[in-house]
Amino acid sequence: FRYVDRVRSRGIDIPIVPGIVPVQNFK
């Protein structure tokens, strides 16, 4: 969310989709 705030403050309005990684193997 802090990153999205910085992006929006630059006037960039495209979707910023979060990448989610389920942790199959922690190491």
mmCIF file of all heavy atoms, coordinates in Angstrom:
data_MODEL
# 
_entry.id   MODEL 
# 
loop_
_atom_site.group_PDB 
_atom_site.id 
_atom_site.type_symbol 
_atom_site.label_atom_id 
_atom_site.label_alt_id 
_atom_site.label_comp_id 
_atom_site.label_asym_id 
_atom_site.label_entity_id 
_atom_site.label_seq_id 
_atom_site.pdbx_PDB_ins_code 
_atom_site.Cartn_x 
_atom_site.Cartn_y 
_atom_site.Cartn_z 
_atom_site.occupancy 
_atom_site.B_iso_or_equiv 
_atom_site.pdbx_formal_charge 
_atom_site.auth_seq_id 
_atom_site.auth_comp_id 
_atom_site.auth_asym_id 
_atom_site.auth_atom_id 
_atom_site.pdbx_PDB_model_num 
ATOM 1   N N   . PHE A 1 1  ? 0.818  -1.215  0.000   1.00 0.00 ? 1  PHE A N   1 
ATOM 2   C CA  . PHE A 1 1  ? 0.000  0.000   0.000   1.00 0.00 ? 1  PHE A CA  1 
ATOM 3   C C   . PHE A 1 1  ? 0.852  1.264   0.000   1.00 0.00 ? 1  PHE A C   1 
ATOM 4   O O   . PHE A 1 1  ? 0.497  2.262   -0.642  1.00 0.00 ? 1  PHE A O   1 
ATOM 5   C CB  . PHE A 1 1  ? -0.970 -0.018  1.188   1.00 0.00 ? 1  PHE A CB  1 
ATOM 6   C CG  . PHE A 1 1  ? -2.101 -0.991  1.011   1.00 0.00 ? 1  PHE A CG  1 
ATOM 7   C CD1 . PHE A 1 1  ? -2.155 -2.152  1.771   1.00 0.00 ? 1  PHE A CD1 1 
ATOM 8   C CD2 . PHE A 1 1  ? -3.088 -0.766  0.065   1.00 0.00 ? 1  PHE A CD2 1 
ATOM 9   C CE1 . PHE A 1 1  ? -3.189 -3.060  1.598   1.00 0.00 ? 1  PHE A CE1 1 
ATOM 10  C CE2 . PHE A 1 1  ? -4.121 -1.682  -0.123  1.00 0.00 ? 1  PHE A CE2 1 
ATOM 11  C CZ  . PHE A 1 1  ? -4.179 -2.829  0.643   1.00 0.00 ? 1  PHE A CZ  1 
ATOM 12  N N   . ARG A 1 2  ? 1.986  1.240   0.697   1.00 0.00 ? 2  ARG A N   1 
ATOM 13  C CA  . ARG A 1 2  ? 2.883  2.394   0.638   1.00 0.00 ? 2  ARG A CA  1 
ATOM 14  C C   . ARG A 1 2  ? 3.411  2.590   -0.779  1.00 0.00 ? 2  ARG A C   1 
ATOM 15  O O   . ARG A 1 2  ? 3.547  3.723   -1.268  1.00 0.00 ? 2  ARG A O   1 
ATOM 16  C CB  . ARG A 1 2  ? 4.039  2.228   1.629   1.00 0.00 ? 2  ARG A CB  1 
ATOM 17  C CG  . ARG A 1 2  ? 3.642  2.421   3.091   1.00 0.00 ? 2  ARG A CG  1 
ATOM 18  C CD  . ARG A 1 2  ? 4.870  2.613   3.977   1.00 0.00 ? 2  ARG A CD  1 
ATOM 19  N NE  . ARG A 1 2  ? 5.711  1.423   3.992   1.00 0.00 ? 2  ARG A NE  1 
ATOM 20  C CZ  . ARG A 1 2  ? 5.599  0.456   4.901   1.00 0.00 ? 2  ARG A CZ  1 
ATOM 21  N NH1 . ARG A 1 2  ? 4.660  0.515   5.843   1.00 0.00 ? 2  ARG A NH1 1 
ATOM 22  N NH2 . ARG A 1 2  ? 6.422  -0.588  4.879   1.00 0.00 ? 2  ARG A NH2 1 
ATOM 23  N N   . TYR A 1 3  ? 3.710  1.472   -1.435  1.00 0.00 ? 3  TYR A N   1 
ATOM 24  C CA  . TYR A 1 3  ? 4.191  1.559   -2.818  1.00 0.00 ? 3  TYR A CA  1 
ATOM 25  C C   . TYR A 1 3  ? 3.113  2.142   -3.724  1.00 0.00 ? 3  TYR A C   1 
ATOM 26  O O   . TYR A 1 3  ? 3.405  3.037   -4.543  1.00 0.00 ? 3  TYR A O   1 
ATOM 27  C CB  . TYR A 1 3  ? 4.608  0.172   -3.300  1.00 0.00 ? 3  TYR A CB  1 
ATOM 28  C CG  . TYR A 1 3  ? 5.012  0.138   -4.757  1.00 0.00 ? 3  TYR A CG  1 
ATOM 29  C CD1 . TYR A 1 3  ? 6.222  0.684   -5.175  1.00 0.00 ? 3  TYR A CD1 1 
ATOM 30  C CD2 . TYR A 1 3  ? 4.183  -0.434  -5.716  1.00 0.00 ? 3  TYR A CD2 1 
ATOM 31  C CE1 . TYR A 1 3  ? 6.596  0.661   -6.512  1.00 0.00 ? 3  TYR A CE1 1 
ATOM 32  C CE2 . TYR A 1 3  ? 4.554  -0.463  -7.052  1.00 0.00 ? 3  TYR A CE2 1 
ATOM 33  C CZ  . TYR A 1 3  ? 5.757  0.090   -7.448  1.00 0.00 ? 3  TYR A CZ  1 
ATOM 34  O OH  . TYR A 1 3  ? 6.107  0.070   -8.775  1.00 0.00 ? 3  TYR A OH  1 
ATOM 35  N N   . VAL A 1 4  ? 1.892  1.661   -3.607  1.00 0.00 ? 4  VAL A N   1 
ATOM 36  C CA  . VAL A 1 4  ? 0.808  2.184   -4.441  1.00 0.00 ? 4  VAL A CA  1 
ATOM 37  C C   . VAL A 1 4  ? 0.634  3.682   -4.205  1.00 0.00 ? 4  VAL A C   1 
ATOM 38  O O   . VAL A 1 4  ? 0.426  4.452   -5.153  1.00 0.00 ? 4  VAL A O   1 
ATOM 39  C CB  . VAL A 1 4  ? -0.508 1.424   -4.168  1.00 0.00 ? 4  VAL A CB  1 
ATOM 40  C CG1 . VAL A 1 4  ? -1.683 2.095   -4.882  1.00 0.00 ? 4  VAL A CG1 1 
ATOM 41  C CG2 . VAL A 1 4  ? -0.389 -0.027  -4.626  1.00 0.00 ? 4  VAL A CG2 1 
ATOM 42  N N   . ASP A 1 5  ? 0.741  4.116   -2.965  1.00 0.00 ? 5  ASP A N   1 
ATOM 43  C CA  . ASP A 1 5  ? 0.639  5.555   -2.669  1.00 0.00 ? 5  ASP A CA  1 
ATOM 44  C C   . ASP A 1 5  ? 1.723  6.329   -3.412  1.00 0.00 ? 5  ASP A C   1 
ATOM 45  O O   . ASP A 1 5  ? 1.459  7.420   -3.969  1.00 0.00 ? 5  ASP A O   1 
ATOM 46  C CB  . ASP A 1 5  ? 0.767  5.801   -1.163  1.00 0.00 ? 5  ASP A CB  1 
ATOM 47  C CG  . ASP A 1 5  ? -0.478 5.400   -0.385  1.00 0.00 ? 5  ASP A CG  1 
ATOM 48  O OD1 . ASP A 1 5  ? -1.547 5.222   -1.024  1.00 0.00 ? 5  ASP A OD1 1 
ATOM 49  O OD2 . ASP A 1 5  ? -0.386 5.269   0.850   1.00 0.00 ? 5  ASP A OD2 1 
ATOM 50  N N   . ARG A 1 6  ? 2.955  5.794   -3.437  1.00 0.00 ? 6  ARG A N   1 
ATOM 51  C CA  . ARG A 1 6  ? 4.043  6.488   -4.140  1.00 0.00 ? 6  ARG A CA  1 
ATOM 52  C C   . ARG A 1 6  ? 3.781  6.521   -5.640  1.00 0.00 ? 6  ARG A C   1 
ATOM 53  O O   . ARG A 1 6  ? 4.035  7.532   -6.311  1.00 0.00 ? 6  ARG A O   1 
ATOM 54  C CB  . ARG A 1 6  ? 5.387  5.802   -3.857  1.00 0.00 ? 6  ARG A CB  1 
ATOM 55  C CG  . ARG A 1 6  ? 5.855  5.907   -2.407  1.00 0.00 ? 6  ARG A CG  1 
ATOM 56  C CD  . ARG A 1 6  ? 7.337  5.613   -2.277  1.00 0.00 ? 6  ARG A CD  1 
ATOM 57  N NE  . ARG A 1 6  ? 7.709  4.308   -2.799  1.00 0.00 ? 6  ARG A NE  1 
ATOM 58  C CZ  . ARG A 1 6  ? 7.674  3.175   -2.100  1.00 0.00 ? 6  ARG A CZ  1 
ATOM 59  N NH1 . ARG A 1 6  ? 7.260  3.200   -0.829  1.00 0.00 ? 6  ARG A NH1 1 
ATOM 60  N NH2 . ARG A 1 6  ? 8.048  2.033   -2.630  1.00 0.00 ? 6  ARG A NH2 1 
ATOM 61  N N   . VAL A 1 7  ? 3.270  5.406   -6.167  1.00 0.00 ? 7  VAL A N   1 
ATOM 62  C CA  . VAL A 1 7  ? 2.962  5.346   -7.595  1.00 0.00 ? 7  VAL A CA  1 
ATOM 63  C C   . VAL A 1 7  ? 1.894  6.373   -7.952  1.00 0.00 ? 7  VAL A C   1 
ATOM 64  O O   . VAL A 1 7  ? 2.019  7.116   -8.936  1.00 0.00 ? 7  VAL A O   1 
ATOM 65  C CB  . VAL A 1 7  ? 2.491  3.920   -7.975  1.00 0.00 ? 7  VAL A CB  1 
ATOM 66  C CG1 . VAL A 1 7  ? 1.915  3.902   -9.392  1.00 0.00 ? 7  VAL A CG1 1 
ATOM 67  C CG2 . VAL A 1 7  ? 3.650  2.934   -7.878  1.00 0.00 ? 7  VAL A CG2 1 
ATOM 68  N N   . ARG A 1 8  ? 0.823  6.414   -7.165  1.00 0.00 ? 8  ARG A N   1 
ATOM 69  C CA  . ARG A 1 8  ? -0.265 7.353   -7.451  1.00 0.00 ? 8  ARG A CA  1 
ATOM 70  C C   . ARG A 1 8  ? 0.197  8.807   -7.314  1.00 0.00 ? 8  ARG A C   1 
ATOM 71  O O   . ARG A 1 8  ? -0.270 9.690   -8.048  1.00 0.00 ? 8  ARG A O   1 
ATOM 72  C CB  . ARG A 1 8  ? -1.447 7.093   -6.515  1.00 0.00 ? 8  ARG A CB  1 
ATOM 73  C CG  . ARG A 1 8  ? -2.043 5.686   -6.643  1.00 0.00 ? 8  ARG A CG  1 
ATOM 74  C CD  . ARG A 1 8  ? -2.610 5.433   -8.028  1.00 0.00 ? 8  ARG A CD  1 
ATOM 75  N NE  . ARG A 1 8  ? -3.187 4.086   -8.132  1.00 0.00 ? 8  ARG A NE  1 
ATOM 76  C CZ  . ARG A 1 8  ? -2.898 3.217   -9.086  1.00 0.00 ? 8  ARG A CZ  1 
ATOM 77  N NH1 . ARG A 1 8  ? -2.039 3.534   -10.029 1.00 0.00 ? 8  ARG A NH1 1 
ATOM 78  N NH2 . ARG A 1 8  ? -3.470 2.026   -9.122  1.00 0.00 ? 8  ARG A NH2 1 
ATOM 79  N N   . SER A 1 9  ? 1.118  9.059   -6.380  1.00 0.00 ? 9  SER A N   1 
ATOM 80  C CA  . SER A 1 9  ? 1.616  10.430  -6.205  1.00 0.00 ? 9  SER A CA  1 
ATOM 81  C C   . SER A 1 9  ? 2.385  10.913  -7.430  1.00 0.00 ? 9  SER A C   1 
ATOM 82  O O   . SER A 1 9  ? 2.544  12.127  -7.625  1.00 0.00 ? 9  SER A O   1 
ATOM 83  C CB  . SER A 1 9  ? 2.500  10.528  -4.958  1.00 0.00 ? 9  SER A CB  1 
ATOM 84  O OG  . SER A 1 9  ? 3.745  9.869   -5.150  1.00 0.00 ? 9  SER A OG  1 
ATOM 85  N N   . ARG A 1 10 ? 2.848  9.965   -8.236  1.00 0.00 ? 10 ARG A N   1 
ATOM 86  C CA  . ARG A 1 10 ? 3.536  10.320  -9.487  1.00 0.00 ? 10 ARG A CA  1 
ATOM 87  C C   . ARG A 1 10 ? 2.560  10.509  -10.644 1.00 0.00 ? 10 ARG A C   1 
ATOM 88  O O   . ARG A 1 10 ? 2.973  10.808  -11.767 1.00 0.00 ? 10 ARG A O   1 
ATOM 89  C CB  . ARG A 1 10 ? 4.544  9.213   -9.845  1.00 0.00 ? 10 ARG A CB  1 
ATOM 90  C CG  . ARG A 1 10 ? 5.700  9.076   -8.875  1.00 0.00 ? 10 ARG A CG  1 
ATOM 91  C CD  . ARG A 1 10 ? 6.728  10.186  -9.084  1.00 0.00 ? 10 ARG A CD  1 
ATOM 92  N NE  . ARG A 1 10 ? 7.394  10.063  -10.369 1.00 0.00 ? 10 ARG A NE  1 
ATOM 93  C CZ  . ARG A 1 10 ? 8.597  9.509   -10.555 1.00 0.00 ? 10 ARG A CZ  1 
ATOM 94  N NH1 . ARG A 1 10 ? 9.255  9.035   -9.507  1.00 0.00 ? 10 ARG A NH1 1 
ATOM 95  N NH2 . ARG A 1 10 ? 9.134  9.443   -11.741 1.00 0.00 ? 10 ARG A NH2 1 
ATOM 96  N N   . GLY A 1 11 ? 1.268  10.312  -10.388 1.00 0.00 ? 11 GLY A N   1 
ATOM 97  C CA  . GLY A 1 11 ? 0.277  10.454  -11.443 1.00 0.00 ? 11 GLY A CA  1 
ATOM 98  C C   . GLY A 1 11 ? 0.106  9.211   -12.297 1.00 0.00 ? 11 GLY A C   1 
ATOM 99  O O   . GLY A 1 11 ? -0.546 9.248   -13.338 1.00 0.00 ? 11 GLY A O   1 
ATOM 100 N N   . ILE A 1 12 ? 0.667  8.088   -11.857 1.00 0.00 ? 12 ILE A N   1 
ATOM 101 C CA  . ILE A 1 12 ? 0.534  6.821   -12.582 1.00 0.00 ? 12 ILE A CA  1 
ATOM 102 C C   . ILE A 1 12 ? -0.758 6.154   -12.127 1.00 0.00 ? 12 ILE A C   1 
ATOM 103 O O   . ILE A 1 12 ? -0.932 5.881   -10.943 1.00 0.00 ? 12 ILE A O   1 
ATOM 104 C CB  . ILE A 1 12 ? 1.738  5.903   -12.307 1.00 0.00 ? 12 ILE A CB  1 
ATOM 105 C CG1 . ILE A 1 12 ? 3.039  6.582   -12.748 1.00 0.00 ? 12 ILE A CG1 1 
ATOM 106 C CG2 . ILE A 1 12 ? 1.562  4.554   -13.004 1.00 0.00 ? 12 ILE A CG2 1 
ATOM 107 C CD1 . ILE A 1 12 ? 4.291  5.848   -12.310 1.00 0.00 ? 12 ILE A CD1 1 
ATOM 108 N N   . ASP A 1 13 ? -1.656 5.892   -13.078 1.00 0.00 ? 13 ASP A N   1 
ATOM 109 C CA  . ASP A 1 13 ? -2.981 5.416   -12.679 1.00 0.00 ? 13 ASP A CA  1 
ATOM 110 C C   . ASP A 1 13 ? -3.341 4.025   -13.189 1.00 0.00 ? 13 ASP A C   1 
ATOM 111 O O   . ASP A 1 13 ? -4.482 3.596   -13.058 1.00 0.00 ? 13 ASP A O   1 
ATOM 112 C CB  . ASP A 1 13 ? -4.062 6.412   -13.108 1.00 0.00 ? 13 ASP A CB  1 
ATOM 113 C CG  . ASP A 1 13 ? -4.111 6.612   -14.620 1.00 0.00 ? 13 ASP A CG  1 
ATOM 114 O OD1 . ASP A 1 13 ? -3.315 5.953   -15.343 1.00 0.00 ? 13 ASP A OD1 1 
ATOM 115 O OD2 . ASP A 1 13 ? -4.942 7.414   -15.084 1.00 0.00 ? 13 ASP A OD2 1 
ATOM 116 N N   . ILE A 1 14 ? -2.390 3.282   -13.758 1.00 0.00 ? 14 ILE A N   1 
ATOM 117 C CA  . ILE A 1 14 ? -2.712 1.925   -14.214 1.00 0.00 ? 14 ILE A CA  1 
ATOM 118 C C   . ILE A 1 14 ? -2.899 1.023   -13.000 1.00 0.00 ? 14 ILE A C   1 
ATOM 119 O O   . ILE A 1 14 ? -2.402 1.319   -11.914 1.00 0.00 ? 14 ILE A O   1 
ATOM 120 C CB  . ILE A 1 14 ? -1.615 1.354   -15.143 1.00 0.00 ? 14 ILE A CB  1 
ATOM 121 C CG1 . ILE A 1 14 ? -0.291 1.184   -14.381 1.00 0.00 ? 14 ILE A CG1 1 
ATOM 122 C CG2 . ILE A 1 14 ? -1.430 2.220   -16.376 1.00 0.00 ? 14 ILE A CG2 1 
ATOM 123 C CD1 . ILE A 1 14 ? 0.751  0.394   -15.163 1.00 0.00 ? 14 ILE A CD1 1 
ATOM 124 N N   . PRO A 1 15 ? -3.617 -0.107  -13.155 1.00 0.00 ? 15 PRO A N   1 
ATOM 125 C CA  . PRO A 1 15 ? -3.761 -1.040  -12.037 1.00 0.00 ? 15 PRO A CA  1 
ATOM 126 C C   . PRO A 1 15 ? -2.398 -1.569  -11.565 1.00 0.00 ? 15 PRO A C   1 
ATOM 127 O O   . PRO A 1 15 ? -1.532 -1.884  -12.384 1.00 0.00 ? 15 PRO A O   1 
ATOM 128 C CB  . PRO A 1 15 ? -4.606 -2.175  -12.627 1.00 0.00 ? 15 PRO A CB  1 
ATOM 129 C CG  . PRO A 1 15 ? -5.323 -1.555  -13.783 1.00 0.00 ? 15 PRO A CG  1 
ATOM 130 C CD  . PRO A 1 15 ? -4.381 -0.532  -14.343 1.00 0.00 ? 15 PRO A CD  1 
ATOM 131 N N   . ILE A 1 16 ? -2.227 -1.635  -10.263 1.00 0.00 ? 16 ILE A N   1 
ATOM 132 C CA  . ILE A 1 16 ? -1.027 -2.222  -9.657  1.00 0.00 ? 16 ILE A CA  1 
ATOM 133 C C   . ILE A 1 16 ? -1.485 -3.503  -8.969  1.00 0.00 ? 16 ILE A C   1 
ATOM 134 O O   . ILE A 1 16 ? -1.992 -3.471  -7.840  1.00 0.00 ? 16 ILE A O   1 
ATOM 135 C CB  . ILE A 1 16 ? -0.356 -1.273  -8.653  1.00 0.00 ? 16 ILE A CB  1 
ATOM 136 C CG1 . ILE A 1 16 ? -0.112 0.110   -9.263  1.00 0.00 ? 16 ILE A CG1 1 
ATOM 137 C CG2 . ILE A 1 16 ? 0.941  -1.885  -8.140  1.00 0.00 ? 16 ILE A CG2 1 
ATOM 138 C CD1 . ILE A 1 16 ? 0.867  0.117   -10.429 1.00 0.00 ? 16 ILE A CD1 1 
ATOM 139 N N   . VAL A 1 17 ? -1.343 -4.627  -9.642  1.00 0.00 ? 17 VAL A N   1 
ATOM 140 C CA  . VAL A 1 17 ? -1.898 -5.899  -9.174  1.00 0.00 ? 17 VAL A CA  1 
ATOM 141 C C   . VAL A 1 17 ? -0.896 -6.582  -8.246  1.00 0.00 ? 17 VAL A C   1 
ATOM 142 O O   . VAL A 1 17 ? 0.260  -6.799  -8.636  1.00 0.00 ? 17 VAL A O   1 
ATOM 143 C CB  . VAL A 1 17 ? -2.232 -6.818  -10.365 1.00 0.00 ? 17 VAL A CB  1 
ATOM 144 C CG1 . VAL A 1 17 ? -2.822 -8.144  -9.872  1.00 0.00 ? 17 VAL A CG1 1 
ATOM 145 C CG2 . VAL A 1 17 ? -3.201 -6.120  -11.321 1.00 0.00 ? 17 VAL A CG2 1 
ATOM 146 N N   . PRO A 1 18 ? -1.300 -6.919  -7.037  1.00 0.00 ? 18 PRO A N   1 
ATOM 147 C CA  . PRO A 1 18 ? -0.365 -7.596  -6.127  1.00 0.00 ? 18 PRO A CA  1 
ATOM 148 C C   . PRO A 1 18 ? -0.055 -9.019  -6.577  1.00 0.00 ? 18 PRO A C   1 
ATOM 149 O O   . PRO A 1 18 ? -0.955 -9.793  -6.906  1.00 0.00 ? 18 PRO A O   1 
ATOM 150 C CB  . PRO A 1 18 ? -1.107 -7.599  -4.786  1.00 0.00 ? 18 PRO A CB  1 
ATOM 151 C CG  . PRO A 1 18 ? -2.554 -7.509  -5.139  1.00 0.00 ? 18 PRO A CG  1 
ATOM 152 C CD  . PRO A 1 18 ? -2.616 -6.692  -6.405  1.00 0.00 ? 18 PRO A CD  1 
ATOM 153 N N   . GLY A 1 19 ? 1.226  -9.356  -6.596  1.00 0.00 ? 19 GLY A N   1 
ATOM 154 C CA  . GLY A 1 19 ? 1.653  -10.722 -6.891  1.00 0.00 ? 19 GLY A CA  1 
ATOM 155 C C   . GLY A 1 19 ? 1.721  -11.518 -5.603  1.00 0.00 ? 19 GLY A C   1 
ATOM 156 O O   . GLY A 1 19 ? 2.377  -11.103 -4.644  1.00 0.00 ? 19 GLY A O   1 
ATOM 157 N N   . ILE A 1 20 ? 1.029  -12.653 -5.575  1.00 0.00 ? 20 ILE A N   1 
ATOM 158 C CA  . ILE A 1 20 ? 0.928  -13.468 -4.367  1.00 0.00 ? 20 ILE A CA  1 
ATOM 159 C C   . ILE A 1 20 ? 1.633  -14.803 -4.598  1.00 0.00 ? 20 ILE A C   1 
ATOM 160 O O   . ILE A 1 20 ? 1.348  -15.491 -5.585  1.00 0.00 ? 20 ILE A O   1 
ATOM 161 C CB  . ILE A 1 20 ? -0.544 -13.736 -3.998  1.00 0.00 ? 20 ILE A CB  1 
ATOM 162 C CG1 . ILE A 1 20 ? -1.326 -12.420 -3.888  1.00 0.00 ? 20 ILE A CG1 1 
ATOM 163 C CG2 . ILE A 1 20 ? -0.635 -14.547 -2.710  1.00 0.00 ? 20 ILE A CG2 1 
ATOM 164 C CD1 . ILE A 1 20 ? -0.854 -11.492 -2.801  1.00 0.00 ? 20 ILE A CD1 1 
ATOM 165 N N   . VAL A 1 21 ? 2.524  -15.179 -3.696  1.00 0.00 ? 21 VAL A N   1 
ATOM 166 C CA  . VAL A 1 21 ? 3.192  -16.470 -3.814  1.00 0.00 ? 21 VAL A CA  1 
ATOM 167 C C   . VAL A 1 21 ? 2.828  -17.338 -2.612  1.00 0.00 ? 21 VAL A C   1 
ATOM 168 O O   . VAL A 1 21 ? 3.228  -17.045 -1.488  1.00 0.00 ? 21 VAL A O   1 
ATOM 169 C CB  . VAL A 1 21 ? 4.729  -16.324 -3.950  1.00 0.00 ? 21 VAL A CB  1 
ATOM 170 C CG1 . VAL A 1 21 ? 5.344  -15.598 -2.775  1.00 0.00 ? 21 VAL A CG1 1 
ATOM 171 C CG2 . VAL A 1 21 ? 5.387  -17.683 -4.163  1.00 0.00 ? 21 VAL A CG2 1 
ATOM 172 N N   . PRO A 1 22 ? 2.030  -18.387 -2.822  1.00 0.00 ? 22 PRO A N   1 
ATOM 173 C CA  . PRO A 1 22 ? 1.822  -19.358 -1.738  1.00 0.00 ? 22 PRO A CA  1 
ATOM 174 C C   . PRO A 1 22 ? 3.147  -20.073 -1.469  1.00 0.00 ? 22 PRO A C   1 
ATOM 175 O O   . PRO A 1 22 ? 3.814  -20.520 -2.397  1.00 0.00 ? 22 PRO A O   1 
ATOM 176 C CB  . PRO A 1 22 ? 0.777  -20.319 -2.321  1.00 0.00 ? 22 PRO A CB  1 
ATOM 177 C CG  . PRO A 1 22 ? 0.135  -19.561 -3.446  1.00 0.00 ? 22 PRO A CG  1 
ATOM 178 C CD  . PRO A 1 22 ? 1.228  -18.709 -4.007  1.00 0.00 ? 22 PRO A CD  1 
ATOM 179 N N   . VAL A 1 23 ? 3.522  -20.182 -0.204  1.00 0.00 ? 23 VAL A N   1 
ATOM 180 C CA  . VAL A 1 23 ? 4.848  -20.692 0.137   1.00 0.00 ? 23 VAL A CA  1 
ATOM 181 C C   . VAL A 1 23 ? 4.834  -22.224 0.106   1.00 0.00 ? 23 VAL A C   1 
ATOM 182 O O   . VAL A 1 23 ? 4.540  -22.875 1.101   1.00 0.00 ? 23 VAL A O   1 
ATOM 183 C CB  . VAL A 1 23 ? 5.304  -20.173 1.518   1.00 0.00 ? 23 VAL A CB  1 
ATOM 184 C CG1 . VAL A 1 23 ? 6.706  -20.678 1.828   1.00 0.00 ? 23 VAL A CG1 1 
ATOM 185 C CG2 . VAL A 1 23 ? 5.261  -18.653 1.541   1.00 0.00 ? 23 VAL A CG2 1 
ATOM 186 N N   . GLN A 1 24 ? 5.138  -22.783 -1.064  1.00 0.00 ? 24 GLN A N   1 
ATOM 187 C CA  . GLN A 1 24 ? 5.190  -24.233 -1.191  1.00 0.00 ? 24 GLN A CA  1 
ATOM 188 C C   . GLN A 1 24 ? 6.355  -24.807 -0.391  1.00 0.00 ? 24 GLN A C   1 
ATOM 189 O O   . GLN A 1 24 ? 6.244  -25.855 0.228   1.00 0.00 ? 24 GLN A O   1 
ATOM 190 C CB  . GLN A 1 24 ? 5.351  -24.615 -2.675  1.00 0.00 ? 24 GLN A CB  1 
ATOM 191 C CG  . GLN A 1 24 ? 4.348  -23.985 -3.621  1.00 0.00 ? 24 GLN A CG  1 
ATOM 192 C CD  . GLN A 1 24 ? 3.074  -24.791 -3.735  1.00 0.00 ? 24 GLN A CD  1 
ATOM 193 O OE1 . GLN A 1 24 ? 2.931  -25.832 -3.104  1.00 0.00 ? 24 GLN A OE1 1 
ATOM 194 N NE2 . GLN A 1 24 ? 2.134  -24.324 -4.526  1.00 0.00 ? 24 GLN A NE2 1 
ATOM 195 N N   . ASN A 1 25 ? 7.493  -24.110 -0.432  1.00 0.00 ? 25 ASN A N   1 
ATOM 196 C CA  . ASN A 1 25 ? 8.704  -24.556 0.263   1.00 0.00 ? 25 ASN A CA  1 
ATOM 197 C C   . ASN A 1 25 ? 9.375  -23.317 0.847   1.00 0.00 ? 25 ASN A C   1 
ATOM 198 O O   . ASN A 1 25 ? 9.886  -22.470 0.110   1.00 0.00 ? 25 ASN A O   1 
ATOM 199 C CB  . ASN A 1 25 ? 9.636  -25.271 -0.710  1.00 0.00 ? 25 ASN A CB  1 
ATOM 200 C CG  . ASN A 1 25 ? 10.887 -25.814 -0.047  1.00 0.00 ? 25 ASN A CG  1 
ATOM 201 O OD1 . ASN A 1 25 ? 11.627 -25.084 0.604   1.00 0.00 ? 25 ASN A OD1 1 
ATOM 202 N ND2 . ASN A 1 25 ? 11.137 -27.111 -0.219  1.00 0.00 ? 25 ASN A ND2 1 
ATOM 203 N N   . PHE A 1 26 ? 9.352  -23.194 2.170   1.00 0.00 ? 26 PHE A N   1 
ATOM 204 C CA  . PHE A 1 26 ? 9.820  -21.959 2.794   1.00 0.00 ? 26 PHE A CA  1 
ATOM 205 C C   . PHE A 1 26 ? 11.278 -21.667 2.472   1.00 0.00 ? 26 PHE A C   1 
ATOM 206 O O   . PHE A 1 26 ? 11.641 -20.522 2.162   1.00 0.00 ? 26 PHE A O   1 
ATOM 207 C CB  . PHE A 1 26 ? 9.618  -22.009 4.313   1.00 0.00 ? 26 PHE A CB  1 
ATOM 208 C CG  . PHE A 1 26 ? 10.156 -20.785 5.004   1.00 0.00 ? 26 PHE A CG  1 
ATOM 209 C CD1 . PHE A 1 26 ? 9.485  -19.577 4.909   1.00 0.00 ? 26 PHE A CD1 1 
ATOM 210 C CD2 . PHE A 1 26 ? 11.344 -20.837 5.718   1.00 0.00 ? 26 PHE A CD2 1 
ATOM 211 C CE1 . PHE A 1 26 ? 9.997  -18.434 5.522   1.00 0.00 ? 26 PHE A CE1 1 
ATOM 212 C CE2 . PHE A 1 26 ? 11.854 -19.704 6.328   1.00 0.00 ? 26 PHE A CE2 1 
ATOM 213 C CZ  . PHE A 1 26 ? 11.178 -18.510 6.229   1.00 0.00 ? 26 PHE A CZ  1 
ATOM 214 N N   . LYS A 1 27 ? 12.150 -22.663 2.549   1.00 0.00 ? 27 LYS A N   1 
ATOM 215 C CA  . LYS A 1 27 ? 13.570 -22.418 2.294   1.00 0.00 ? 27 LYS A CA  1 
ATOM 216 C C   . LYS A 1 27 ? 13.812 -21.917 0.873   1.00 0.00 ? 27 LYS A C   1 
ATOM 217 O O   . LYS A 1 27 ? 14.609 -20.994 0.653   1.00 0.00 ? 27 LYS A O   1 
ATOM 218 C CB  . LYS A 1 27 ? 14.377 -23.692 2.555   1.00 0.00 ? 27 LYS A CB  1 
ATOM 219 C CG  . LYS A 1 27 ? 14.535 -24.026 4.033   1.00 0.00 ? 27 LYS A CG  1 
ATOM 220 C CD  . LYS A 1 27 ? 15.474 -25.206 4.244   1.00 0.00 ? 27 LYS A CD  1 
ATOM 221 C CE  . LYS A 1 27 ? 15.711 -25.457 5.732   1.00 0.00 ? 27 LYS A CE  1 
ATOM 222 N NZ  . LYS A 1 27 ? 16.616 -26.618 5.953   1.00 0.00 ? 27 LYS A NZ  1 
# 
